[in-house]
Amino acid sequence: MYSLIFAESAIFTIFVVAYVYYTGKSLTGPYPKDVLELPIFASLCLLSSSATIHFAIPALHKGDTRVFGMWWFATLALGTIFLVNTGLEWHHLIYEKGLTISTNLFGTTYYSLVGLHAFHVTLGLMGLALGMIFTLLGKLQQAHAARAHVFALYWHFVDAVWVVVFTVVYIIGR
């Protein structure tokens, strides 16, 4: 997992650097300041999901699959809320503000960076859903705690990347 996180960090670094490099270089609008709103609620949901997955792991280490399942489900729900809000933001940007990936340089770099993150959230949600299915079927046991912990590392990585993406796109690049 550490190797995957390292490789993914390199990919995200390239996308972040490209976004920063091209910030302010669009010749036509819309511009970030004209269309972007701070996704505070969605961000709080995603960042809270790091806490919920953190609480899930010790419960599984103790063999308490019921408590694990509650925290794991909360993580899944919070991540889903984040992804749905990202989709709503994109719908607003595309259909109400006219920003697509081909509108201008800002649109290209915005959808590339935020889309890369959304893709990773989607993969994480698939893993969370699979873990939830195993939990509901009674197939998840205390012996699987180390595997759940490894997956939690990925989820923490996705959350940490969002802090960078949020800062670069919605604070610095705005």
N, C-alpha and C. Protein backbone atom coordinates (compact mmCIF):
# COMPACT_ATOMS: atom_id res chain seq x y z
N MET A 1 0.84 -1.19 0.00
CA MET A 1 0.00 0.00 0.00
C MET A 1 0.88 1.26 0.00
N TYR A 2 1.99 1.20 0.74
CA TYR A 2 2.86 2.37 0.76
C TYR A 2 3.44 2.67 -0.62
N SER A 3 3.75 1.63 -1.39
CA SER A 3 4.24 1.83 -2.75
C SER A 3 3.17 2.46 -3.64
N LEU A 4 1.94 1.98 -3.49
CA LEU A 4 0.83 2.56 -4.26
C LEU A 4 0.64 4.02 -3.89
N ILE A 5 0.64 4.30 -2.61
CA ILE A 5 0.46 5.69 -2.16
C ILE A 5 1.59 6.58 -2.68
N PHE A 6 2.81 6.06 -2.67
CA PHE A 6 3.94 6.83 -3.20
C PHE A 6 3.75 7.13 -4.69
N ALA A 7 3.37 6.11 -5.44
CA ALA A 7 3.17 6.29 -6.89
C ALA A 7 2.02 7.25 -7.17
N GLU A 8 0.93 7.09 -6.44
CA GLU A 8 -0.22 7.98 -6.62
C GLU A 8 0.11 9.41 -6.21
N SER A 9 0.94 9.55 -5.21
CA SER A 9 1.38 10.89 -4.79
C SER A 9 2.13 11.58 -5.91
N ALA A 10 2.96 10.82 -6.62
CA ALA A 10 3.70 11.39 -7.75
C ALA A 10 2.74 11.85 -8.84
N ILE A 11 1.73 11.05 -9.13
CA ILE A 11 0.75 11.42 -10.15
C ILE A 11 0.00 12.68 -9.73
N PHE A 12 -0.47 12.72 -8.49
CA PHE A 12 -1.18 13.90 -8.02
C PHE A 12 -0.27 15.13 -8.02
N THR A 13 0.99 14.94 -7.70
CA THR A 13 1.93 16.07 -7.70
C THR A 13 2.02 16.67 -9.10
N ILE A 14 2.08 15.83 -10.11
CA ILE A 14 2.14 16.31 -11.49
C ILE A 14 0.88 17.13 -11.82
N PHE A 15 -0.27 16.63 -11.45
CA PHE A 15 -1.53 17.33 -11.74
C PHE A 15 -1.64 18.64 -10.95
N VAL A 16 -1.19 18.64 -9.72
CA VAL A 16 -1.23 19.86 -8.90
C VAL A 16 -0.28 20.90 -9.48
N VAL A 17 0.92 20.48 -9.83
CA VAL A 17 1.89 21.42 -10.41
C VAL A 17 1.35 21.99 -11.72
N ALA A 18 0.74 21.16 -12.55
CA ALA A 18 0.15 21.65 -13.81
C ALA A 18 -0.94 22.67 -13.51
N TYR A 19 -1.78 22.38 -12.53
CA TYR A 19 -2.87 23.31 -12.19
C TYR A 19 -2.29 24.65 -11.74
N VAL A 20 -1.31 24.59 -10.84
CA VAL A 20 -0.70 25.82 -10.33
C VAL A 20 0.00 26.57 -11.46
N TYR A 21 0.73 25.85 -12.30
CA TYR A 21 1.46 26.48 -13.40
C TYR A 21 0.51 27.23 -14.33
N TYR A 22 -0.64 26.63 -14.63
CA TYR A 22 -1.57 27.23 -15.58
C TYR A 22 -2.59 28.16 -14.94
N THR A 23 -2.54 28.30 -13.62
CA THR A 23 -3.48 29.21 -12.94
C THR A 23 -3.32 30.63 -13.49
N GLY A 24 -4.42 31.22 -13.87
CA GLY A 24 -4.41 32.59 -14.37
C GLY A 24 -3.99 32.73 -15.82
N LYS A 25 -3.78 31.63 -16.52
CA LYS A 25 -3.32 31.72 -17.90
C LYS A 25 -4.42 31.51 -18.93
N SER A 26 -5.64 31.30 -18.47
CA SER A 26 -6.76 31.18 -19.41
C SER A 26 -7.01 32.53 -20.06
N LEU A 27 -7.15 32.54 -21.37
CA LEU A 27 -7.37 33.79 -22.10
C LEU A 27 -8.84 34.19 -22.11
N THR A 28 -9.72 33.21 -21.90
CA THR A 28 -11.15 33.48 -21.90
C THR A 28 -11.77 32.90 -20.63
N GLY A 29 -12.94 33.42 -20.26
CA GLY A 29 -13.64 32.94 -19.08
C GLY A 29 -14.47 31.72 -19.41
N PRO A 30 -15.13 31.19 -18.43
CA PRO A 30 -15.16 31.68 -17.06
C PRO A 30 -13.86 31.37 -16.31
N TYR A 31 -13.61 32.21 -15.31
CA TYR A 31 -12.41 32.09 -14.48
C TYR A 31 -12.79 31.50 -13.13
N PRO A 32 -11.83 30.96 -12.40
CA PRO A 32 -12.14 30.34 -11.10
C PRO A 32 -12.95 31.25 -10.17
N LYS A 33 -12.56 32.50 -10.07
CA LYS A 33 -13.25 33.42 -9.16
C LYS A 33 -14.70 33.66 -9.56
N ASP A 34 -15.00 33.43 -10.83
CA ASP A 34 -16.36 33.65 -11.33
C ASP A 34 -17.30 32.47 -11.09
N VAL A 35 -16.74 31.27 -10.97
CA VAL A 35 -17.61 30.09 -10.95
C VAL A 35 -17.45 29.17 -9.75
N LEU A 36 -16.30 29.21 -9.09
CA LEU A 36 -16.06 28.26 -8.00
C LEU A 36 -16.62 28.76 -6.68
N GLU A 37 -17.28 27.87 -5.99
CA GLU A 37 -17.73 28.12 -4.62
C GLU A 37 -17.02 27.12 -3.73
N LEU A 38 -16.76 27.50 -2.51
CA LEU A 38 -16.05 26.61 -1.59
C LEU A 38 -16.93 25.42 -1.22
N PRO A 39 -16.47 24.21 -1.49
CA PRO A 39 -17.26 23.02 -1.14
C PRO A 39 -17.03 22.63 0.33
N ILE A 40 -17.46 23.49 1.23
CA ILE A 40 -17.19 23.30 2.65
C ILE A 40 -17.88 22.03 3.18
N PHE A 41 -19.18 21.89 2.93
CA PHE A 41 -19.91 20.74 3.45
C PHE A 41 -19.32 19.43 2.94
N ALA A 42 -19.08 19.36 1.64
CA ALA A 42 -18.52 18.14 1.06
C ALA A 42 -17.15 17.84 1.65
N SER A 43 -16.35 18.87 1.81
CA SER A 43 -15.01 18.70 2.38
C SER A 43 -15.07 18.20 3.82
N LEU A 44 -15.99 18.77 4.59
CA LEU A 44 -16.14 18.31 5.98
C LEU A 44 -16.57 16.85 6.03
N CYS A 45 -17.43 16.46 5.11
CA CYS A 45 -17.85 15.05 5.05
C CYS A 45 -16.66 14.15 4.75
N LEU A 46 -15.87 14.51 3.74
CA LEU A 46 -14.74 13.66 3.38
C LEU A 46 -13.71 13.61 4.50
N LEU A 47 -13.40 14.75 5.07
CA LEU A 47 -12.40 14.76 6.15
C LEU A 47 -12.91 14.03 7.39
N SER A 48 -14.19 14.10 7.65
CA SER A 48 -14.77 13.35 8.77
C SER A 48 -14.68 11.85 8.54
N SER A 49 -14.71 11.46 7.28
CA SER A 49 -14.63 10.03 6.97
C SER A 49 -13.28 9.43 7.36
N SER A 50 -12.26 10.25 7.47
CA SER A 50 -10.98 9.75 7.96
C SER A 50 -11.10 9.37 9.43
N ALA A 51 -11.88 10.14 10.18
CA ALA A 51 -12.10 9.82 11.59
C ALA A 51 -12.92 8.55 11.73
N THR A 52 -13.97 8.42 10.92
CA THR A 52 -14.83 7.24 11.06
C THR A 52 -14.10 5.95 10.70
N ILE A 53 -13.27 5.99 9.65
CA ILE A 53 -12.53 4.77 9.30
C ILE A 53 -11.47 4.49 10.36
N HIS A 54 -10.94 5.55 10.94
CA HIS A 54 -9.96 5.38 12.02
C HIS A 54 -10.59 4.67 13.21
N PHE A 55 -11.83 5.00 13.54
CA PHE A 55 -12.53 4.36 14.66
C PHE A 55 -12.96 2.92 14.32
N ALA A 56 -13.15 2.64 13.05
CA ALA A 56 -13.58 1.30 12.65
C ALA A 56 -12.50 0.25 12.90
N ILE A 57 -11.27 0.60 12.63
CA ILE A 57 -10.18 -0.39 12.67
C ILE A 57 -9.97 -0.98 14.07
N PRO A 58 -9.88 -0.17 15.13
CA PRO A 58 -9.71 -0.78 16.46
C PRO A 58 -10.87 -1.68 16.85
N ALA A 59 -12.08 -1.35 16.40
CA ALA A 59 -13.24 -2.19 16.71
C ALA A 59 -13.04 -3.58 16.09
N LEU A 60 -12.53 -3.63 14.87
CA LEU A 60 -12.30 -4.93 14.23
C LEU A 60 -11.15 -5.66 14.91
N HIS A 61 -10.13 -4.93 15.32
CA HIS A 61 -9.02 -5.56 16.06
C HIS A 61 -9.53 -6.23 17.33
N LYS A 62 -10.56 -5.64 17.94
CA LYS A 62 -11.15 -6.21 19.16
C LYS A 62 -12.18 -7.29 18.84
N GLY A 63 -12.48 -7.48 17.57
CA GLY A 63 -13.44 -8.50 17.18
C GLY A 63 -14.88 -8.02 17.23
N ASP A 64 -15.08 -6.73 17.40
CA ASP A 64 -16.44 -6.18 17.47
C ASP A 64 -16.88 -5.75 16.07
N THR A 65 -17.39 -6.72 15.31
CA THR A 65 -17.75 -6.44 13.93
C THR A 65 -18.98 -5.54 13.82
N ARG A 66 -19.83 -5.53 14.84
CA ARG A 66 -21.00 -4.65 14.81
C ARG A 66 -20.56 -3.19 14.85
N VAL A 67 -19.69 -2.85 15.78
CA VAL A 67 -19.19 -1.47 15.88
C VAL A 67 -18.36 -1.13 14.66
N PHE A 68 -17.54 -2.08 14.22
CA PHE A 68 -16.77 -1.87 13.00
C PHE A 68 -17.70 -1.51 11.84
N GLY A 69 -18.77 -2.30 11.68
CA GLY A 69 -19.71 -2.07 10.59
C GLY A 69 -20.36 -0.70 10.65
N MET A 70 -20.67 -0.24 11.87
CA MET A 70 -21.27 1.09 12.01
C MET A 70 -20.30 2.17 11.53
N TRP A 71 -19.06 2.10 11.98
CA TRP A 71 -18.06 3.09 11.57
C TRP A 71 -17.72 2.98 10.09
N TRP A 72 -17.62 1.75 9.61
CA TRP A 72 -17.30 1.52 8.19
C TRP A 72 -18.42 2.08 7.31
N PHE A 73 -19.67 1.83 7.71
CA PHE A 73 -20.81 2.36 6.97
C PHE A 73 -20.81 3.89 7.00
N ALA A 74 -20.49 4.47 8.15
CA ALA A 74 -20.42 5.93 8.25
C ALA A 74 -19.37 6.47 7.27
N THR A 75 -18.26 5.78 7.15
CA THR A 75 -17.21 6.18 6.21
C THR A 75 -17.74 6.12 4.78
N LEU A 76 -18.41 5.04 4.46
CA LEU A 76 -19.00 4.86 3.14
C LEU A 76 -20.02 5.96 2.85
N ALA A 77 -20.87 6.26 3.81
CA ALA A 77 -21.90 7.29 3.63
C ALA A 77 -21.27 8.67 3.44
N LEU A 78 -20.29 9.01 4.26
CA LEU A 78 -19.64 10.32 4.15
C LEU A 78 -18.89 10.46 2.82
N GLY A 79 -18.23 9.42 2.39
CA GLY A 79 -17.55 9.45 1.10
C GLY A 79 -18.53 9.59 -0.05
N THR A 80 -19.67 8.92 0.07
CA THR A 80 -20.71 9.02 -0.96
C THR A 80 -21.27 10.43 -1.02
N ILE A 81 -21.51 11.02 0.12
CA ILE A 81 -22.00 12.41 0.16
C ILE A 81 -21.00 13.33 -0.54
N PHE A 82 -19.71 13.13 -0.26
CA PHE A 82 -18.68 13.95 -0.92
C PHE A 82 -18.76 13.79 -2.43
N LEU A 83 -18.83 12.54 -2.90
CA LEU A 83 -18.83 12.30 -4.34
C LEU A 83 -20.09 12.85 -5.01
N VAL A 84 -21.23 12.69 -4.37
CA VAL A 84 -22.48 13.25 -4.90
C VAL A 84 -22.37 14.77 -5.00
N ASN A 85 -21.81 15.39 -3.98
CA ASN A 85 -21.64 16.85 -4.01
C ASN A 85 -20.68 17.28 -5.11
N THR A 86 -19.66 16.48 -5.36
CA THR A 86 -18.75 16.78 -6.48
C THR A 86 -19.52 16.73 -7.80
N GLY A 87 -20.35 15.72 -7.95
CA GLY A 87 -21.19 15.62 -9.15
C GLY A 87 -22.14 16.80 -9.29
N LEU A 88 -22.73 17.22 -8.18
CA LEU A 88 -23.62 18.39 -8.22
C LEU A 88 -22.85 19.66 -8.58
N GLU A 89 -21.64 19.78 -8.05
CA GLU A 89 -20.81 20.93 -8.39
C GLU A 89 -20.50 20.94 -9.89
N TRP A 90 -20.15 19.79 -10.42
CA TRP A 90 -19.84 19.71 -11.85
C TRP A 90 -21.07 20.02 -12.68
N HIS A 91 -22.22 19.53 -12.29
CA HIS A 91 -23.46 19.82 -13.01
C HIS A 91 -23.70 21.34 -13.04
N HIS A 92 -23.51 21.98 -11.90
CA HIS A 92 -23.67 23.43 -11.80
C HIS A 92 -22.67 24.15 -12.72
N LEU A 93 -21.41 23.70 -12.67
CA LEU A 93 -20.38 24.35 -13.48
C LEU A 93 -20.63 24.16 -14.97
N ILE A 94 -21.05 22.99 -15.36
CA ILE A 94 -21.25 22.71 -16.79
C ILE A 94 -22.51 23.37 -17.32
N TYR A 95 -23.64 23.15 -16.63
CA TYR A 95 -24.93 23.57 -17.20
C TYR A 95 -25.35 24.98 -16.81
N GLU A 96 -24.83 25.49 -15.72
CA GLU A 96 -25.22 26.85 -15.32
C GLU A 96 -24.12 27.87 -15.56
N LYS A 97 -22.87 27.44 -15.46
CA LYS A 97 -21.75 28.38 -15.63
C LYS A 97 -21.02 28.20 -16.95
N GLY A 98 -21.30 27.11 -17.67
CA GLY A 98 -20.68 26.91 -18.98
C GLY A 98 -19.23 26.48 -18.95
N LEU A 99 -18.78 25.92 -17.84
CA LEU A 99 -17.39 25.48 -17.74
C LEU A 99 -17.32 23.99 -18.02
N THR A 100 -16.67 23.63 -19.12
CA THR A 100 -16.43 22.22 -19.44
C THR A 100 -14.93 22.00 -19.50
N ILE A 101 -14.54 20.78 -19.73
CA ILE A 101 -13.11 20.46 -19.81
C ILE A 101 -12.47 21.12 -21.04
N SER A 102 -13.28 21.47 -22.03
CA SER A 102 -12.74 22.08 -23.25
C SER A 102 -13.03 23.58 -23.36
N THR A 103 -13.62 24.17 -22.33
CA THR A 103 -13.94 25.60 -22.38
C THR A 103 -12.69 26.45 -22.44
N ASN A 104 -11.76 26.18 -21.56
CA ASN A 104 -10.52 26.95 -21.49
C ASN A 104 -9.49 26.17 -20.68
N LEU A 105 -8.34 26.75 -20.49
CA LEU A 105 -7.26 26.09 -19.75
C LEU A 105 -7.66 25.81 -18.31
N PHE A 106 -8.39 26.73 -17.70
CA PHE A 106 -8.86 26.50 -16.34
C PHE A 106 -9.77 25.27 -16.29
N GLY A 107 -10.72 25.16 -17.21
CA GLY A 107 -11.62 24.01 -17.24
C GLY A 107 -10.86 22.70 -17.41
N THR A 108 -9.87 22.71 -18.28
CA THR A 108 -9.07 21.51 -18.52
C THR A 108 -8.33 21.08 -17.26
N THR A 109 -7.65 22.01 -16.63
CA THR A 109 -6.86 21.65 -15.45
C THR A 109 -7.75 21.37 -14.24
N TYR A 110 -8.85 22.10 -14.11
CA TYR A 110 -9.77 21.88 -12.99
C TYR A 110 -10.36 20.47 -13.05
N TYR A 111 -10.98 20.12 -14.18
CA TYR A 111 -11.61 18.81 -14.29
C TYR A 111 -10.59 17.67 -14.24
N SER A 112 -9.39 17.92 -14.73
CA SER A 112 -8.36 16.89 -14.67
C SER A 112 -7.95 16.61 -13.22
N LEU A 113 -7.68 17.66 -12.46
CA LEU A 113 -7.24 17.48 -11.08
C LEU A 113 -8.36 17.00 -10.18
N VAL A 114 -9.49 17.67 -10.20
CA VAL A 114 -10.61 17.29 -9.34
C VAL A 114 -11.17 15.94 -9.80
N GLY A 115 -11.16 15.70 -11.10
CA GLY A 115 -11.62 14.42 -11.61
C GLY A 115 -10.72 13.27 -11.20
N LEU A 116 -9.42 13.50 -11.20
CA LEU A 116 -8.49 12.46 -10.73
C LEU A 116 -8.79 12.12 -9.27
N HIS A 117 -9.04 13.12 -8.47
CA HIS A 117 -9.38 12.86 -7.07
C HIS A 117 -10.72 12.13 -6.97
N ALA A 118 -11.71 12.56 -7.73
CA ALA A 118 -13.02 11.91 -7.69
C ALA A 118 -12.91 10.44 -8.11
N PHE A 119 -12.05 10.16 -9.06
CA PHE A 119 -11.82 8.77 -9.47
C PHE A 119 -11.29 7.95 -8.30
N HIS A 120 -10.35 8.51 -7.56
CA HIS A 120 -9.78 7.80 -6.41
C HIS A 120 -10.81 7.63 -5.30
N VAL A 121 -11.66 8.62 -5.11
CA VAL A 121 -12.75 8.48 -4.14
C VAL A 121 -13.68 7.35 -4.57
N THR A 122 -13.99 7.29 -5.86
CA THR A 122 -14.86 6.24 -6.39
C THR A 122 -14.26 4.86 -6.14
N LEU A 123 -12.97 4.71 -6.40
CA LEU A 123 -12.31 3.43 -6.12
C LEU A 123 -12.40 3.10 -4.63
N GLY A 124 -12.18 4.10 -3.80
CA GLY A 124 -12.27 3.90 -2.36
C GLY A 124 -13.66 3.49 -1.93
N LEU A 125 -14.68 4.12 -2.52
CA LEU A 125 -16.06 3.77 -2.18
C LEU A 125 -16.38 2.34 -2.60
N MET A 126 -15.81 1.90 -3.70
CA MET A 126 -16.01 0.52 -4.12
C MET A 126 -15.40 -0.44 -3.09
N GLY A 127 -14.22 -0.11 -2.61
CA GLY A 127 -13.59 -0.93 -1.57
C GLY A 127 -14.38 -0.91 -0.28
N LEU A 128 -14.87 0.26 0.10
CA LEU A 128 -15.69 0.36 1.30
C LEU A 128 -16.98 -0.44 1.16
N ALA A 129 -17.60 -0.38 -0.02
CA ALA A 129 -18.83 -1.13 -0.26
C ALA A 129 -18.57 -2.63 -0.17
N LEU A 130 -17.47 -3.07 -0.73
CA LEU A 130 -17.11 -4.49 -0.66
C LEU A 130 -16.91 -4.92 0.80
N GLY A 131 -16.19 -4.09 1.54
CA GLY A 131 -16.00 -4.38 2.97
C GLY A 131 -17.33 -4.42 3.72
N MET A 132 -18.25 -3.54 3.35
CA MET A 132 -19.56 -3.51 4.00
C MET A 132 -20.36 -4.76 3.66
N ILE A 133 -20.27 -5.21 2.42
CA ILE A 133 -20.96 -6.43 2.03
C ILE A 133 -20.45 -7.62 2.84
N PHE A 134 -19.13 -7.74 2.94
CA PHE A 134 -18.55 -8.84 3.73
C PHE A 134 -18.98 -8.74 5.20
N THR A 135 -19.06 -7.53 5.70
CA THR A 135 -19.50 -7.33 7.09
C THR A 135 -20.94 -7.78 7.26
N LEU A 136 -21.81 -7.36 6.36
CA LEU A 136 -23.23 -7.71 6.46
C LEU A 136 -23.47 -9.21 6.28
N LEU A 137 -22.63 -9.85 5.49
CA LEU A 137 -22.76 -11.30 5.28
C LEU A 137 -22.12 -12.11 6.40
N GLY A 138 -21.49 -11.41 7.34
CA GLY A 138 -20.85 -12.11 8.45
C GLY A 138 -19.53 -12.76 8.08
N LYS A 139 -18.96 -12.36 6.97
CA LYS A 139 -17.70 -12.94 6.49
C LYS A 139 -16.47 -12.21 7.03
N LEU A 140 -16.67 -11.03 7.58
CA LEU A 140 -15.55 -10.25 8.10
C LEU A 140 -15.28 -10.66 9.54
N GLN A 141 -14.02 -10.92 9.84
CA GLN A 141 -13.65 -11.38 11.17
C GLN A 141 -12.47 -10.56 11.68
N GLN A 142 -12.19 -10.78 12.94
CA GLN A 142 -11.07 -10.09 13.60
C GLN A 142 -9.76 -10.33 12.84
N ALA A 143 -9.62 -11.49 12.25
CA ALA A 143 -8.40 -11.84 11.51
C ALA A 143 -8.19 -10.93 10.29
N HIS A 144 -9.22 -10.23 9.87
CA HIS A 144 -9.11 -9.35 8.70
C HIS A 144 -8.75 -7.91 9.07
N ALA A 145 -8.48 -7.67 10.33
CA ALA A 145 -8.21 -6.29 10.78
C ALA A 145 -7.00 -5.68 10.09
N ALA A 146 -5.97 -6.46 9.87
CA ALA A 146 -4.77 -5.91 9.21
C ALA A 146 -5.08 -5.47 7.78
N ARG A 147 -5.91 -6.25 7.10
CA ARG A 147 -6.29 -5.89 5.73
C ARG A 147 -7.14 -4.62 5.71
N ALA A 148 -8.05 -4.52 6.67
CA ALA A 148 -8.88 -3.32 6.76
C ALA A 148 -8.01 -2.10 7.06
N HIS A 149 -6.99 -2.31 7.88
CA HIS A 149 -6.07 -1.21 8.20
C HIS A 149 -5.32 -0.74 6.95
N VAL A 150 -4.88 -1.67 6.14
CA VAL A 150 -4.18 -1.32 4.90
C VAL A 150 -5.10 -0.52 3.99
N PHE A 151 -6.35 -0.94 3.87
CA PHE A 151 -7.30 -0.18 3.07
C PHE A 151 -7.52 1.21 3.66
N ALA A 152 -7.58 1.29 4.99
CA ALA A 152 -7.76 2.59 5.65
C ALA A 152 -6.62 3.54 5.30
N LEU A 153 -5.43 3.02 5.11
CA LEU A 153 -4.30 3.88 4.69
C LEU A 153 -4.62 4.55 3.36
N TYR A 154 -5.19 3.78 2.43
CA TYR A 154 -5.57 4.34 1.14
C TYR A 154 -6.60 5.45 1.34
N TRP A 155 -7.60 5.19 2.18
CA TRP A 155 -8.65 6.17 2.40
C TRP A 155 -8.08 7.45 3.03
N HIS A 156 -7.17 7.30 3.97
CA HIS A 156 -6.53 8.48 4.57
C HIS A 156 -5.74 9.25 3.51
N PHE A 157 -5.11 8.52 2.60
CA PHE A 157 -4.38 9.17 1.51
C PHE A 157 -5.32 10.00 0.65
N VAL A 158 -6.48 9.43 0.29
CA VAL A 158 -7.46 10.15 -0.53
C VAL A 158 -7.91 11.42 0.20
N ASP A 159 -8.10 11.34 1.50
CA ASP A 159 -8.49 12.51 2.28
C ASP A 159 -7.37 13.55 2.32
N ALA A 160 -6.15 13.10 2.52
CA ALA A 160 -5.01 14.02 2.57
C ALA A 160 -4.83 14.73 1.23
N VAL A 161 -5.00 13.99 0.15
CA VAL A 161 -4.89 14.60 -1.18
C VAL A 161 -5.95 15.68 -1.35
N TRP A 162 -7.15 15.45 -0.79
CA TRP A 162 -8.20 16.46 -0.92
C TRP A 162 -7.80 17.76 -0.24
N VAL A 163 -7.09 17.69 0.86
CA VAL A 163 -6.64 18.91 1.53
C VAL A 163 -5.77 19.72 0.58
N VAL A 164 -4.90 19.04 -0.14
CA VAL A 164 -4.02 19.72 -1.11
C VAL A 164 -4.85 20.26 -2.27
N VAL A 165 -5.72 19.42 -2.83
CA VAL A 165 -6.54 19.84 -3.98
C VAL A 165 -7.43 21.02 -3.58
N PHE A 166 -8.07 20.92 -2.45
CA PHE A 166 -8.94 22.00 -1.97
C PHE A 166 -8.15 23.30 -1.83
N THR A 167 -6.99 23.21 -1.22
CA THR A 167 -6.16 24.41 -1.01
C THR A 167 -5.72 25.02 -2.33
N VAL A 168 -5.26 24.19 -3.24
CA VAL A 168 -4.75 24.69 -4.52
C VAL A 168 -5.88 25.22 -5.41
N VAL A 169 -6.96 24.48 -5.52
CA VAL A 169 -8.04 24.85 -6.44
C VAL A 169 -8.93 25.95 -5.88
N TYR A 170 -9.37 25.78 -4.64
CA TYR A 170 -10.41 26.65 -4.11
C TYR A 170 -9.89 27.84 -3.28
N ILE A 171 -8.64 27.76 -2.86
CA ILE A 171 -8.08 28.87 -2.08
C ILE A 171 -7.04 29.63 -2.90
N ILE A 172 -5.96 28.97 -3.27
CA ILE A 172 -4.86 29.62 -3.99
C ILE A 172 -5.27 29.99 -5.42
N GLY A 173 -5.87 29.03 -6.13
CA GLY A 173 -6.18 29.22 -7.54
C GLY A 173 -7.43 30.05 -7.81
N ARG A 174 -8.06 30.49 -6.79
CA ARG A 174 -9.30 31.26 -6.95
C ARG A 174 -8.95 32.72 -6.95
